[in-house]
Protein backbone atom coordinates (compact mmCIF):
# COMPACT_ATOMS: atom_id res chain seq x y z
CA MET A 1 13.21 141.54 -134.71
CA ARG A 2 14.36 139.46 -132.35
CA ALA A 3 17.70 140.13 -133.67
CA THR A 4 17.17 143.88 -132.65
CA GLY A 5 16.40 142.95 -129.23
CA TYR A 6 12.59 142.69 -128.71
CA PRO A 7 10.95 139.50 -127.60
CA VAL A 8 8.50 138.37 -130.30
CA LEU A 9 5.89 135.82 -130.01
CA LEU A 10 5.20 134.00 -133.34
CA THR A 11 2.15 132.43 -133.40
CA ARG A 12 -0.67 131.16 -136.01
CA GLU A 13 -4.50 131.27 -136.20
CA PRO A 14 -6.39 128.78 -136.11
CA GLY A 15 -4.07 127.17 -133.98
CA GLY A 16 -1.41 128.73 -131.47
CA VAL A 17 -2.49 126.68 -128.92
CA PRO A 18 -3.72 122.67 -128.36
CA LEU A 19 -7.44 123.78 -128.38
CA GLY A 20 -6.85 125.90 -131.87
CA GLU A 21 -4.82 123.20 -133.12
CA GLY A 22 -7.33 120.90 -132.81
CA ILE A 23 -10.20 123.15 -134.34
CA ARG A 24 -7.36 124.06 -137.13
CA ASN A 25 -7.27 120.37 -138.00
CA LEU A 26 -10.71 119.98 -138.05
CA VAL A 27 -11.88 123.01 -139.73
CA LEU A 28 -9.14 122.56 -142.79
CA SER A 29 -9.36 118.61 -143.10
CA PRO A 30 -10.21 118.43 -147.18
CA ASP A 31 -11.76 115.03 -145.60
CA GLY A 32 -14.45 116.14 -142.95
CA GLY A 33 -16.85 117.33 -145.64
CA PRO A 34 -18.72 120.58 -145.71
CA ILE A 35 -19.07 122.75 -143.10
CA HIS A 36 -21.81 125.58 -142.77
CA PRO A 37 -20.60 129.04 -142.60
CA THR A 38 -21.67 129.70 -139.43
CA ALA A 39 -20.58 126.58 -137.94
CA GLU A 40 -16.92 127.36 -139.63
CA LEU A 41 -17.18 130.84 -138.15
CA LEU A 42 -18.19 129.59 -134.46
CA LEU A 43 -15.08 127.12 -134.72
CA PHE A 44 -12.93 130.07 -135.90
CA ILE A 45 -14.34 132.12 -132.96
CA ALA A 46 -13.57 129.49 -130.73
CA ALA A 47 -10.01 128.95 -131.68
CA ARG A 48 -9.63 132.71 -131.11
CA ALA A 49 -10.97 133.19 -127.99
CA GLN A 50 -8.81 129.91 -126.19
CA HIS A 51 -5.98 131.62 -128.39
CA VAL A 52 -6.10 135.16 -126.57
CA SER A 53 -6.52 133.83 -123.33
CA GLU A 54 -4.17 131.62 -123.49
CA ARG A 55 -1.48 132.78 -125.33
CA ILE A 56 -1.61 136.28 -127.01
CA ARG A 57 -2.73 138.33 -123.81
CA PRO A 58 -0.45 137.02 -121.46
CA ALA A 59 2.62 137.62 -124.35
CA LEU A 60 1.19 141.24 -124.56
CA GLU A 61 1.36 141.60 -120.74
CA ALA A 62 4.49 140.20 -120.32
CA GLY A 63 5.83 142.68 -122.51
CA GLN A 64 6.09 140.74 -125.81
CA ILE A 65 5.59 142.11 -129.45
CA VAL A 66 2.84 139.31 -130.58
CA VAL A 67 3.39 138.40 -134.47
CA CYS A 68 0.67 136.13 -135.69
CA ASP A 69 -0.24 134.72 -138.80
CA ARG A 70 -3.88 135.40 -139.13
CA PHE A 71 -6.29 137.01 -136.94
CA THR A 72 -9.46 139.45 -136.72
CA ASP A 73 -9.10 140.43 -140.40
CA ALA A 74 -8.84 136.76 -141.94
CA THR A 75 -11.92 136.24 -140.25
CA LEU A 76 -13.60 139.15 -141.87
CA ALA A 77 -12.59 138.14 -145.20
CA TYR A 78 -12.73 134.48 -145.48
CA GLN A 79 -15.93 134.41 -143.26
CA GLY A 80 -17.45 137.56 -144.36
CA GLY A 81 -16.13 137.90 -148.16
CA GLY A 82 -16.30 133.89 -148.58
CA ARG A 83 -18.63 132.84 -146.76
CA ALA A 84 -20.98 136.31 -146.84
CA VAL A 85 -21.41 135.97 -143.04
CA PRO A 86 -23.27 139.64 -142.01
CA ARG A 87 -20.60 141.79 -140.73
CA ASP A 88 -22.62 142.67 -137.55
CA LEU A 89 -22.28 139.02 -136.19
CA LEU A 90 -18.72 138.63 -137.45
CA ALA A 91 -18.00 142.05 -135.06
CA ARG A 92 -19.89 140.75 -132.24
CA LEU A 93 -18.31 137.18 -132.11
CA ASP A 94 -15.04 138.59 -132.98
CA GLU A 95 -15.43 140.84 -129.70
CA ALA A 96 -16.52 138.45 -127.39
CA ALA A 97 -13.50 136.14 -128.52
CA THR A 98 -10.71 138.74 -128.32
CA GLY A 99 -12.20 141.58 -125.68
CA GLY A 100 -11.74 144.08 -128.30
CA LEU A 101 -8.03 143.16 -128.52
CA CYS A 102 -6.83 144.68 -132.31
CA PRO A 103 -3.94 144.14 -134.36
CA ASP A 104 -1.65 147.38 -134.15
CA ARG A 105 -0.49 146.52 -138.14
CA THR A 106 -1.81 143.83 -140.39
CA TYR A 107 0.36 143.12 -143.51
CA LEU A 108 -1.89 142.17 -146.30
CA LEU A 109 0.35 140.66 -148.98
CA ASP A 110 -2.04 140.85 -152.61
CA VAL A 111 -1.71 138.61 -155.16
CA ASP A 112 -4.05 137.85 -157.84
CA VAL A 113 -6.20 135.02 -157.39
CA ALA A 114 -4.56 132.84 -160.00
CA THR A 115 -1.34 133.62 -158.19
CA GLY A 116 -2.61 132.61 -154.89
CA VAL A 117 -4.21 129.74 -156.04
CA ALA A 118 -1.31 128.21 -157.89
CA ARG A 119 0.84 128.66 -154.73
CA ALA A 120 -1.25 126.81 -152.56
CA GLY A 121 -1.45 124.02 -155.02
CA GLY A 122 2.54 124.31 -155.22
CA ARG A 123 3.49 123.12 -151.88
CA ALA A 124 5.30 120.48 -152.09
CA GLY A 125 4.13 116.86 -151.07
CA GLN A 126 0.72 118.62 -149.19
CA LYS A 127 -2.77 118.10 -150.24
CA ARG A 128 -4.89 121.01 -150.52
CA ASP A 129 -6.93 122.22 -147.47
CA ARG A 130 -10.96 122.07 -147.23
CA ILE A 131 -10.49 126.05 -147.76
CA GLU A 132 -7.85 125.81 -150.07
CA SER A 133 -10.09 123.46 -152.35
CA GLU A 134 -13.12 126.63 -153.00
CA ASP A 135 -13.35 127.73 -156.25
CA THR A 136 -12.03 131.01 -157.66
CA GLY A 137 -15.29 132.89 -156.93
CA PHE A 138 -14.83 132.32 -153.26
CA PHE A 139 -11.33 133.73 -153.14
CA GLU A 140 -12.21 136.49 -155.47
CA SER A 141 -14.57 137.81 -152.62
CA VAL A 142 -12.18 136.92 -150.09
CA ARG A 143 -9.68 139.09 -152.02
CA ARG A 144 -12.08 142.09 -152.34
CA ARG A 145 -12.88 142.13 -149.10
CA TYR A 146 -9.28 142.39 -147.64
CA LEU A 147 -8.63 145.11 -150.13
CA GLU A 148 -11.90 146.85 -148.65
CA LEU A 149 -10.59 146.50 -145.41
CA ALA A 150 -7.50 147.78 -146.37
CA ALA A 151 -8.94 150.94 -148.02
CA GLU A 152 -11.11 151.27 -144.53
CA ASP A 153 -7.81 151.18 -142.18
CA PRO A 154 -4.70 152.33 -144.64
CA GLU A 155 -3.38 153.53 -141.37
CA ARG A 156 -3.54 149.84 -139.73
CA ILE A 157 -3.11 148.04 -142.96
CA LEU A 158 -0.34 148.00 -144.48
CA LEU A 159 -0.79 146.66 -148.53
CA LEU A 160 2.29 145.27 -149.82
CA ARG A 161 2.72 143.22 -153.41
CA GLY A 162 2.75 139.58 -152.71
CA THR A 163 4.88 139.35 -156.14
CA ASP A 164 7.62 140.95 -154.40
CA SER A 165 10.63 138.31 -153.13
CA ARG A 166 10.40 137.10 -149.92
CA GLU A 167 13.47 138.90 -148.87
CA ASP A 168 12.04 142.41 -150.15
CA LEU A 169 8.77 141.74 -148.27
CA ALA A 170 10.48 140.86 -144.90
CA ARG A 171 12.50 143.59 -145.34
CA GLN A 172 9.60 146.10 -146.11
CA MET A 173 7.66 144.41 -142.55
CA LEU A 174 10.61 144.44 -140.52
CA ILE A 175 11.41 148.02 -141.18
CA ASP A 176 7.61 149.40 -140.95
CA ALA A 177 7.43 147.18 -137.50
CA LEU A 178 10.68 148.73 -136.31
CA THR A 179 9.32 152.31 -137.30
CA LEU A 180 5.64 151.44 -135.51
CA LEU A 181 7.57 150.19 -132.64
CA ARG A 182 9.94 153.40 -132.61
CA SER A 183 6.88 155.35 -133.16
CA ARG A 184 5.51 154.35 -129.67
CA ASP A 185 8.35 154.16 -127.81
CA ILE A 186 8.33 150.31 -127.64
CA GLN A 187 12.37 149.99 -127.28
CA PRO A 188 13.97 146.58 -127.52
CA SER A 189 14.72 144.84 -124.06
CA ARG A 190 18.55 143.20 -125.61
CA THR A 191 16.87 139.96 -124.34
CA SER A 192 15.12 137.97 -127.34
CA THR A 193 12.38 135.33 -126.45
């Protein structure tokens, strides 16, 4: 997207800002012990509120395209599907954290649970984080919730085969993102950031 002239902010959740990165380290540490599902949710929501306030909203106001690795849909899937936190609580807390900010597009790379777990465990030199260490039933619930979200909002959530090559996935997402931007008459600035 940068090569086509769009100013892009690439960020992640939890993380993206110092407070968010601290929360990320706390929540994902496999050595931190169990975290109650509500406590986990509140930590993720706190990280999101700071991230939106400090980084995402200012970037959008400056005309940047924000690409974020995980956002509200991840919370709905992991805490809603995997942790069984009630949907109305998730919605209220996310609204408080984001002020209603919603992604224009979510790219959902779907793979079966066995493939996903194998990929998470196959990162060279990395120990699985606390969430990656969950059991298969947890990930089945997360995947099921992601697929439900995609079925509920197919105009916003683009379901892609996570087994496609990285190059094919990147191409599909770029074509879709550029088409979406052009359909909204958002033109490149020709100065990338």
